Each structure stands twice: as structure tokens, then as C-alpha cells.
Protein backbone atom coordinates (compact mmCIF):
# COMPACT_ATOMS: atom_id res chain seq x y z
CA MET A 1 33.39 58.57 59.75
CA ALA A 2 35.54 56.92 57.19
CA ASN A 3 37.63 59.56 56.59
CA ARG A 4 38.48 60.18 60.15
CA ALA A 5 39.45 56.42 60.73
CA TYR A 6 41.38 56.76 57.49
CA ILE A 7 43.49 59.93 58.56
CA LEU A 8 43.86 58.28 61.91
CA THR A 9 45.16 54.85 60.69
CA LEU A 10 47.79 56.91 58.14
CA LEU A 11 49.04 58.87 60.87
CA PHE A 12 49.52 55.86 63.02
CA VAL A 13 51.52 54.38 60.14
CA GLY A 14 53.74 57.60 59.85
CA ASN A 15 54.23 57.57 63.25
CA LEU A 16 54.91 53.84 63.39
CA LEU A 17 57.85 54.73 60.85
CA ASN A 18 58.96 57.61 63.20
CA PHE A 19 59.82 55.19 66.12
CA TYR A 20 61.34 52.48 63.66
CA ASP A 21 63.67 54.88 62.37
CA ARG A 22 64.39 56.31 66.07
CA ALA A 23 65.13 53.11 67.36
CA LEU A 24 67.28 51.87 64.89
CA PRO A 25 70.47 53.16 66.39
CA ALA A 26 69.94 51.84 69.51
CA VAL A 27 69.53 47.91 68.28
CA VAL A 28 72.83 48.09 66.30
CA LEU A 29 74.40 50.43 69.16
CA GLU A 30 77.63 48.17 70.27
CA PRO A 31 78.45 47.68 66.32
CA ILE A 32 78.26 51.53 65.76
CA LYS A 33 80.00 51.98 69.24
CA GLU A 34 82.89 49.41 67.72
CA GLU A 35 83.52 50.89 64.44
CA TYR A 36 83.69 54.70 65.82
CA ARG A 37 85.39 53.27 69.06
CA LEU A 38 83.12 55.29 71.43
CA ASP A 39 82.94 55.47 75.20
CA ASP A 40 79.32 55.49 76.84
CA THR A 41 79.52 59.55 77.39
CA GLN A 42 80.08 59.75 73.40
CA VAL A 43 77.07 57.16 72.68
CA GLY A 44 74.78 59.39 75.01
CA ILE A 45 75.76 62.57 72.81
CA LEU A 46 74.76 60.54 69.49
CA ALA A 47 71.48 59.88 71.11
CA SER A 48 70.91 63.10 72.28
CA ALA A 49 71.87 64.94 69.44
CA PHE A 50 68.95 63.83 67.57
CA VAL A 51 66.59 64.74 70.84
CA LEU A 52 68.13 68.21 71.19
CA VAL A 53 67.80 69.22 67.75
CA ALA A 54 64.48 67.72 67.88
CA ALA A 55 63.32 69.73 70.83
CA ILE A 56 65.05 73.03 69.32
CA ALA A 57 62.88 72.55 65.91
CA GLY A 58 59.49 71.65 67.40
CA VAL A 59 58.48 75.21 68.62
CA PRO A 60 59.06 76.93 65.17
CA LEU A 61 57.43 74.11 63.59
CA GLY A 62 54.63 73.88 66.00
CA ARG A 63 53.94 77.41 65.43
CA LEU A 64 54.20 76.76 61.89
CA ALA A 65 51.44 74.06 61.97
CA ASP A 66 49.26 76.96 63.39
CA ARG A 67 49.77 78.89 60.39
CA ILE A 68 49.55 76.52 57.23
CA PRO A 69 47.81 73.23 56.83
CA ARG A 70 49.24 70.37 59.19
CA LYS A 71 49.64 67.79 56.84
CA THR A 72 51.84 69.78 54.92
CA VAL A 73 54.00 70.10 58.05
CA ALA A 74 54.03 66.52 58.99
CA GLY A 75 54.04 64.92 55.20
CA TRP A 76 57.12 67.09 54.25
CA GLY A 77 58.70 66.25 57.67
CA LEU A 78 58.35 62.58 57.15
CA PHE A 79 59.69 62.91 53.93
CA ALA A 80 62.53 64.50 54.87
CA TRP A 81 63.29 62.20 57.76
CA SER A 82 63.16 59.38 55.44
CA LEU A 83 65.72 60.75 53.51
CA PHE A 84 67.95 61.46 56.09
CA THR A 85 67.48 57.85 57.61
CA ALA A 86 68.79 56.32 54.40
CA ALA A 87 71.83 59.09 54.58
CA GLY A 88 72.74 57.52 57.70
CA GLY A 89 73.15 54.18 56.00
CA VAL A 90 75.54 55.78 53.22
CA LEU A 91 77.59 58.38 55.04
CA THR A 92 81.05 56.45 56.27
CA SER A 93 82.39 58.73 58.84
CA PHE A 94 81.15 59.50 62.51
CA TRP A 95 80.30 63.11 61.73
CA GLY A 96 78.60 62.22 58.84
CA PHE A 97 76.30 59.79 60.63
CA LEU A 98 75.78 62.32 63.48
CA ALA A 99 74.86 64.73 60.98
CA SER A 100 72.17 62.40 59.31
CA ARG A 101 70.66 61.88 62.84
CA VAL A 102 70.51 65.34 63.23
CA GLY A 103 68.38 65.70 60.13
CA VAL A 104 66.49 62.65 61.38
CA GLY A 105 65.55 64.80 64.66
CA VAL A 106 64.71 67.69 62.50
CA GLY A 107 62.40 65.96 60.28
CA GLU A 108 60.53 64.04 62.96
CA SER A 109 60.37 66.86 65.01
CA SER A 110 57.40 68.23 62.87
CA TYR A 111 55.28 65.25 63.06
CA SER A 112 53.99 65.21 66.57
CA PRO A 113 52.84 69.13 67.09
CA ALA A 114 50.77 68.99 63.32
CA THR A 115 49.75 65.56 64.02
CA GLY A 116 48.34 66.09 67.77
CA SER A 117 46.47 69.41 66.75
CA LEU A 118 44.88 67.30 63.59
CA LEU A 119 43.70 64.65 65.79
CA SER A 120 42.21 66.79 68.41
CA ASP A 121 40.13 68.32 65.65
CA LEU A 122 38.78 64.82 64.74
CA TYR A 123 38.09 63.64 68.16
CA PRO A 124 36.09 65.14 71.05
CA SER A 125 37.83 65.40 74.44
CA GLU A 126 36.26 62.22 75.67
CA ARG A 127 37.28 60.19 72.98
CA ARG A 128 40.86 61.44 72.44
CA SER A 129 42.80 59.42 74.54
CA ARG A 130 41.71 56.42 72.65
CA ALA A 131 42.37 58.06 69.31
CA ASN A 132 45.91 59.35 70.56
CA ALA A 133 46.57 55.84 72.09
CA VAL A 134 45.75 54.42 68.47
CA PHE A 135 47.90 57.12 67.00
CA MET A 136 50.97 56.41 69.57
CA LEU A 137 50.56 52.45 69.20
CA GLY A 138 53.48 53.68 66.39
CA PHE A 139 55.63 53.80 69.43
CA PRO A 140 55.50 50.31 70.58
CA ILE A 141 54.94 48.75 67.10
CA GLY A 142 57.91 50.85 65.29
CA THR A 143 59.92 50.05 68.13
CA LEU A 144 58.99 46.10 68.28
CA LEU A 145 59.71 45.94 64.70
CA ALA A 146 63.03 47.82 64.85
CA PHE A 147 64.38 45.33 67.74
CA PHE A 148 62.95 42.32 66.11
CA THR A 149 63.93 43.32 62.46
CA ALA A 150 67.37 45.09 62.82
CA GLY A 151 69.56 43.11 64.32
CA GLY A 152 68.97 40.24 62.14
CA LEU A 153 69.03 42.46 58.79
CA ALA A 154 72.26 43.85 59.84
CA VAL A 155 73.48 40.01 60.40
CA ALA A 156 71.83 38.95 56.98
CA PHE A 157 73.82 41.95 55.20
CA ASP A 158 76.67 41.89 57.42
CA SER A 159 76.49 45.35 57.94
CA TRP A 160 74.97 47.43 60.48
CA ARG A 161 73.83 50.16 57.99
CA ALA A 162 71.33 48.14 55.95
CA PRO A 163 68.32 48.61 58.20
CA PHE A 164 68.90 52.30 57.89
CA LEU A 165 68.35 52.03 53.98
CA ILE A 166 65.65 49.47 54.16
CA ALA A 167 63.65 51.98 56.62
CA ALA A 168 63.63 54.87 54.25
CA VAL A 169 61.51 53.21 51.51
CA PRO A 170 58.07 53.08 53.22
CA GLY A 171 58.41 56.78 54.53
CA VAL A 172 58.55 58.25 51.24
CA LEU A 173 55.31 56.50 50.04
CA VAL A 174 53.59 57.28 53.45
CA ALA A 175 54.68 60.95 53.38
CA PHE A 176 53.02 61.51 49.75
CA LEU A 177 49.59 60.04 51.12
CA VAL A 178 49.71 62.05 54.40
CA LEU A 179 50.57 65.23 51.91
CA ARG A 180 47.01 64.30 50.18
CA VAL A 181 44.91 63.79 53.06
CA ARG A 182 41.85 66.32 53.68
CA GLU A 183 42.16 67.95 57.37
CA PRO A 184 39.18 69.07 59.30
CA GLU A 185 38.83 72.68 60.65
CA ARG A 186 40.33 73.66 63.54
CA GLY A 187 38.09 73.72 66.25
CA ALA A 188 35.74 71.46 64.50
CA ALA A 189 35.55 68.83 67.85
CA GLU A 190 34.75 71.88 70.35
CA PRO A 191 31.79 73.86 71.07
CA ALA A 192 31.69 76.81 68.74
CA GLN A 193 34.07 79.54 69.58
CA ASP A 194 34.18 83.08 69.11
CA ASN A 195 37.27 83.74 67.19
CA SER A 196 37.09 87.42 67.94
CA GLN A 197 38.18 86.68 71.51
CA GLU A 198 41.52 87.32 72.34
CA MET A 199 44.15 84.71 71.87
CA GLN A 200 44.66 82.78 75.21
CA LYS A 201 48.12 82.91 76.23
CA ILE A 202 49.54 79.74 77.16
CA ARG A 203 51.87 80.64 79.89
CA SER A 204 48.84 81.71 81.64
CA VAL A 205 47.57 78.15 81.87
CA ARG A 206 48.97 76.96 85.13
CA SER A 207 48.43 73.25 84.22
CA VAL A 208 50.79 73.54 81.36
CA TYR A 209 53.85 73.69 83.56
CA GLY A 210 53.16 70.47 85.28
CA LEU A 211 52.46 69.02 81.79
CA ILE A 212 55.70 70.11 80.55
CA ILE A 213 57.65 68.65 83.52
CA ALA A 214 55.90 65.23 83.41
CA PHE A 215 56.72 65.20 79.42
CA ALA A 216 60.25 65.69 80.33
CA GLY A 217 60.51 63.20 82.89
CA TYR A 218 58.94 60.35 81.08
CA ASN A 219 61.24 60.93 78.02
CA PHE A 220 64.20 60.92 80.34
CA ALA A 221 63.31 57.47 81.34
CA ALA A 222 62.03 56.39 77.90
CA TYR A 223 64.92 57.63 76.04
CA ALA A 224 67.68 56.11 78.43
CA ILE A 225 65.79 52.81 78.24
CA GLY A 226 65.77 52.77 74.70
CA THR A 227 69.09 53.83 74.41
CA PHE A 228 70.89 51.28 76.78
CA LEU A 229 68.51 48.45 77.33
CA THR A 230 70.21 46.41 74.39
CA PRO A 231 73.92 47.26 75.74
CA VAL A 232 72.58 46.46 79.20
CA LEU A 233 71.31 42.92 77.97
CA GLN A 234 74.69 42.71 75.81
CA ARG A 235 77.15 43.31 78.56
CA TYR A 236 75.71 42.39 81.97
CA TYR A 237 73.44 39.45 80.82
CA GLY A 238 75.88 38.05 77.95
CA LEU A 239 73.32 38.07 75.18
CA ASP A 240 74.52 38.62 71.46
CA LEU A 241 73.00 41.23 69.38
CA VAL A 242 69.80 39.18 68.15
CA GLU A 243 68.72 37.87 71.31
CA ALA A 244 68.99 41.27 72.88
CA GLY A 245 66.88 42.75 70.37
CA ALA A 246 64.30 40.06 70.65
CA VAL A 247 64.20 40.85 74.62
CA GLY A 248 64.26 44.52 74.06
CA GLY A 249 61.12 44.29 71.75
CA ILE A 250 59.22 42.43 74.30
CA VAL A 251 60.05 45.00 77.17
CA ILE A 252 59.27 48.21 75.17
CA GLY A 253 57.27 46.95 72.23
CA VAL A 254 55.08 44.18 73.57
CA THR A 255 54.23 45.72 76.63
CA GLY A 256 53.82 49.34 74.94
CA LEU A 257 51.05 47.70 72.49
CA ALA A 258 49.40 46.47 75.79
CA GLY A 259 49.96 49.34 77.87
CA LEU A 260 48.36 51.55 74.94
CA LEU A 261 45.55 49.50 73.96
CA VAL A 262 44.53 49.25 77.71
CA GLY A 263 45.36 53.05 78.48
CA GLY A 264 43.37 54.79 75.75
CA ARG A 265 40.02 53.47 77.06
CA LEU A 266 40.99 53.33 80.57
CA LEU A 267 42.04 57.20 80.40
CA ASP A 268 38.82 58.20 78.15
CA ALA A 269 36.56 56.47 80.57
CA ALA A 270 38.01 58.79 83.21
CA ALA A 271 37.90 61.83 81.30
CA ARG A 272 34.20 61.48 81.16
CA ARG A 273 34.11 61.74 84.81
CA SER A 274 36.26 65.05 84.74
CA ALA A 275 39.45 66.48 82.73
CA ALA A 276 41.01 65.96 86.17
CA ALA A 277 40.38 62.43 86.66
CA ARG A 278 42.58 61.50 83.52
CA VAL A 279 45.57 62.90 84.96
CA HIS A 280 45.34 61.45 88.38
CA VAL A 281 45.21 57.87 86.48
CA ALA A 282 48.38 58.98 84.70
CA VAL A 283 49.78 60.04 88.08
CA ALA A 284 49.14 56.44 89.38
CA CYS A 285 50.69 54.86 86.88
CA LEU A 286 53.65 56.89 86.33
CA ALA A 287 54.31 56.00 90.21
CA GLY A 288 54.03 52.41 89.53
CA ALA A 289 56.38 52.93 86.59
CA ALA A 290 58.71 54.41 88.86
CA VAL A 291 58.59 51.21 91.70
CA CYS A 292 58.54 48.43 88.91
CA THR A 293 61.95 50.12 86.88
CA ALA A 294 63.51 50.21 90.20
CA GLY A 295 62.99 46.68 91.20
CA GLY A 296 63.88 45.47 87.77
CA LEU A 297 66.78 47.25 87.21
CA ALA A 298 68.29 46.03 90.58
CA ALA A 299 67.77 42.06 89.44
CA GLY A 300 71.10 40.28 89.56
CA ALA A 301 72.88 38.82 86.37
CA ASP A 302 71.35 35.80 87.18
CA ALA A 303 67.63 37.05 87.36
CA LEU A 304 66.93 38.09 83.69
CA TRP A 305 63.47 36.90 84.05
CA LEU A 306 63.04 39.63 86.96
CA LEU A 307 64.54 42.21 84.85
CA VAL A 308 62.32 41.53 81.79
CA LEU A 309 58.93 41.06 84.29
CA LEU A 310 59.22 44.33 86.13
CA LEU A 311 60.74 46.28 83.48
CA SER A 312 58.01 45.33 81.17
CA VAL A 313 55.50 46.10 83.71
CA GLY A 314 56.94 49.60 84.32
CA TYR A 315 57.03 50.56 80.68
CA LEU A 316 53.47 49.14 80.24
CA LEU A 317 52.34 51.88 83.26
CA GLY A 318 54.50 54.43 81.81
CA ILE A 319 53.18 54.22 78.77
CA ILE A 320 49.66 54.52 79.57
CA TYR A 321 50.56 58.29 80.41
CA LEU A 322 51.74 58.67 77.20
CA ALA A 323 48.10 58.28 75.91
CA ALA A 324 47.19 61.17 78.08
CA ALA A 325 49.82 63.65 77.37
CA VAL A 326 48.59 65.26 74.13
CA PRO A 327 44.87 65.04 75.02
CA VAL A 328 45.51 66.80 78.24
CA MET A 329 47.03 69.53 77.07
CA ALA A 330 44.14 69.84 73.99
CA ASP A 331 41.60 70.06 77.09
CA VAL A 332 43.19 73.27 78.29
CA ILE A 333 44.35 75.03 75.13
CA ARG A 334 42.34 76.49 72.42
CA PRO A 335 42.28 74.99 68.87
CA LYS A 336 44.18 77.57 66.90
CA GLN A 337 47.19 77.25 69.55
CA ARG A 338 47.56 73.82 70.11
CA SER A 339 50.34 72.71 67.69
CA GLY A 340 52.16 75.50 69.36
CA ALA A 341 51.67 74.16 72.95
CA ILE A 342 52.38 70.41 71.67
CA GLY A 343 55.25 71.82 70.15
CA LEU A 344 56.47 73.68 73.44
CA MET A 345 55.69 70.46 75.57
CA SER A 346 57.71 68.35 73.32
CA ALA A 347 60.43 70.67 73.06
CA VAL A 348 60.98 71.08 76.69
CA GLY A 349 60.43 67.43 77.08
CA TYR A 350 62.87 66.03 74.64
CA LEU A 351 65.34 68.89 75.50
CA LEU A 352 65.58 68.15 79.29
CA GLY A 353 64.58 64.55 79.19
CA GLY A 354 64.93 63.05 75.75
CA ALA A 355 68.29 64.55 75.23
CA GLY A 356 69.14 64.52 78.85
CA GLY A 357 68.21 60.80 79.53
CA PRO A 358 71.13 59.21 77.19
CA ILE A 359 73.66 61.93 78.19
CA VAL A 360 73.08 61.53 81.97
CA VAL A 361 73.01 57.82 82.16
CA GLY A 362 76.40 57.60 80.05
CA ILE A 363 78.33 60.06 82.16
CA VAL A 364 77.14 58.44 85.19
CA SER A 365 78.14 54.75 83.50
CA ASP A 366 81.74 56.15 82.44
CA ALA A 367 82.02 57.50 86.00
CA ILE A 368 81.23 54.57 87.72
CA ALA A 369 83.07 52.17 85.78
CA GLY A 370 86.29 54.63 85.93
CA PRO A 371 88.98 55.40 83.29
CA GLY A 372 90.31 52.23 81.41
CA ALA A 373 87.55 50.11 83.11
CA SER A 374 87.40 46.57 82.36
CA THR A 375 84.46 44.67 80.62
CA THR A 376 82.54 43.91 83.88
CA ALA A 377 83.39 47.11 85.38
CA GLU A 378 81.60 48.83 82.20
CA ALA A 379 78.68 46.48 82.42
CA ASN A 380 78.15 47.06 86.08
CA GLY A 381 78.59 50.86 85.77
CA LEU A 382 75.73 51.28 82.79
CA LYS A 383 73.51 48.79 84.73
CA THR A 384 73.90 50.99 87.91
CA ALA A 385 73.84 53.91 86.40
CA MET A 386 70.14 52.89 85.10
CA MET A 387 68.96 51.71 87.98
CA ILE A 388 69.46 55.22 89.12
CA ALA A 389 68.23 57.54 86.48
CA VAL A 390 65.24 55.63 85.06
CA PRO A 391 63.17 55.12 88.34
CA LEU A 392 63.87 59.01 89.67
CA ALA A 393 62.61 60.35 86.04
CA PHE A 394 59.48 58.16 86.19
CA ALA A 395 58.93 59.71 89.78
CA VAL A 396 59.59 63.27 88.43
CA ALA A 397 56.89 62.55 85.69
CA ALA A 398 54.27 61.77 88.53
CA ALA A 399 55.01 65.10 90.24
CA GLY A 400 54.30 67.00 87.16
CA MET A 401 51.35 65.50 86.58
CA LEU A 402 50.24 65.97 89.77
CA LEU A 403 50.90 69.50 89.90
CA ALA A 404 49.02 69.45 86.86
CA ALA A 405 46.04 67.92 88.27
CA ARG A 406 45.45 70.72 90.64
CA SER A 407 44.78 73.08 88.07
CA VAL A 408 43.52 71.13 84.66
CA GLN A 409 39.85 71.44 85.69
CA ALA A 410 39.61 75.19 85.90
CA ASP A 411 41.96 75.41 82.97
CA ARG A 412 39.52 73.55 80.99
CA GLU A 413 36.68 75.37 81.97
CA ALA A 414 38.43 78.61 81.23
CA MET A 415 39.27 77.49 77.91
CA LEU A 416 35.37 76.91 76.99
CA ALA A 417 34.23 79.94 78.73
CA THR A 418 35.82 81.91 75.83
CA ALA A 419 33.31 80.20 73.28
């Protein structure tokens, strides 16, 4: 029990550093944009390059984690992305900075498939959402810390590069600890299974398709918000860098923290009724996120409070779904294939969603603002693009989970029947 709690805590800290490092460019995006003279489309490409590479690397690294110790894949990935984060604070050309973010993407793509499989062997199905919620607390807490500290560090050191160098140090230390953990046997939390059975074909599990659609839709919305919320607050609402970082931290960090703390227990309570019940809760939360973010992003320049309120509620509801994504996949995929399945979901989700969100919003923003746009036109263009894209992406995610709900119970029973 103690070993299980220690591993979960350690993996959570690694995930916190994961999302801290991811969020850094978004917090200091306006200084980066000014130094390299980028438009919003180029900013979207910069943000998406990281996710695109992570998506491509996630499949082979997920399959690798099904074949070698998962702590090896996760630990060395954490070490690698920490070094590349530091490189982003040293390299002075745009292409060098872009290459460093690509390296961060490769390193971080190893973490979710390996740790998702490992946690699924530490906790049984009816406790996985809570365990995954604790692990995923690294998302809002890491993002919150980035939004609250990166702007201040950049101002204190008079350079947007300083946070990248500072962030790398704890990552190297935690990577060493991850490499030393004693991981559980594969399938330890499931009923005994006969490994002589033919390996399950992931493509034959019908609910997987809906889970992948949902993950793509969620990441489209989440990465669009994470990339462009600070610029919207600065351009449209007139906040400075530190103020925008603090508000962004509230919207993404504080509400994300609350959503995961509530969502883990809520989803596990539903899972005790049936595998499908957990999915239905996620559907309702994603639909609510679509409605709330539409209202928040429609708020005028004199109603910042309304943007913060409704966008926060929408983000909270969306992140509850995130506590269900990996546990539902683990419900329907056999233990020895879980890293690969989670890697596949992550790859498609990040490729279409995480990479697509910033690029699409950037392109739509520039198209609405028009060539040679004024500062006001740029502000209106970006906010309008967000108002169109984010709620629609959450709605697509809800539709994906609704599709998965139709077959998840049968897929769960089929997986257990191979025992």
C-alpha cells in the first residue's frame, strides 16, 4: 500500500512538471511573438509543433512500454524533456527554440502511455478514476504554477527565457527517482487471465473509436485555451503579462484542480454501477463545458468577470472528463496492450486535437482580422476564433463519449471473458 501511494505521488510530481513545461510558452507568448515577429498562425504552428511530434512519437513509445519496464520509458522521457526545456532558454534563434519544443514533445509523449498502464495495474477498475484524478492533478497544478510564476520570473530576470532554465532542474531529479521505482506486474489489478489466449486486437474494440474522438475534441479545446487565453486577456481585456498569467491560472489551474478532486470520486461512484455509467457522466460534463465556454467567450470587453466565471466552469466540467479517459480505456483493453492503446489514443487525440486547436484558432484569427490588421482587429479576431472553435470542440468530445457509451459495457465484459 505504501509503495502504491509513493509511486502515485512520484508520477503525479512528474506529471506536474510535464504540464508546467508545456505551459511555459503560452504564459510568455507575447514576448516570444514580439522577439521573433510572429503572426497568430505562426504562433499556432509553434504551439502545435510540440503536440504534433508528441502525437507521432506516442505510438511507438507506447508499444515500447508494453515490452520493457514502464518506469524506464517514463523516467528517461522525463529526463529528456527536462533537458530540452532548458535548451529552449539557451537557444537564441526561432528555429532553435522550435527544435527545443519538438524535443520536449518527444520526451513528454513517453510519459502518459507508460504511466497510464502502470497506474492501471496499481488500482482496480472501481478506484482508477480517483487514482487517475490524483495523477492528472499535475495538469492544473503544473499549469497553475506556470501561469502564476513564469510571468514573474520573466519580469524579475528581465528575460522570458529564465523560466525555461529554472524548470529543468527538478525534472532531472524526479526522473532519477522514477527510474528507481518498483513497478507492479502487468494485470495485477485484474482478475487472473490466461496469457495463452490470443492477444486482443485493439481495432476490434468498438468503444475505442469513440474514446479517441472524445480525446481529440477535448484536446482541441484545451490546447486552444492554453495557447491563446493569455493573449486574449492581454489584447482584448487590456491586462499586463503578470495579470493575464494570474487570471489564466485561475481559469485553467484552480478550476482544473477542483474539477479533478470532485471528478475522480464522482466517476468512480458511477463506475461501481457499470462501466457505461462512468462514460455517461463524462458525456454530461463535456456537453456542459460546450455551453459554458460559449457563454464565457462571448463576454464583452467590459465583462471580464463573466469570461472568468463561465470559462472557469466550462474548464472544470471538461477536466472531469479527463479523469475518465484513461480508466475507461483500461476497462476495455487487456493489461499487456494498455500502453499501446493509450499511446494510440494520445497520438490521434494530440494530432487532430492538441495540434489542430492552436493552428485552427490561429488561422481563423488571422483570417477574421485581415492582413495588416490593427491592434483592435487582432484582438477581436482572436477572441472570435476562440468563441467559434472551443465550444464546438467540446461538443465533438461529448459526441465521441456518447458513441463509446453504446458499446463500453459489452467491450468490458468481452475483455474479462478472456480470463
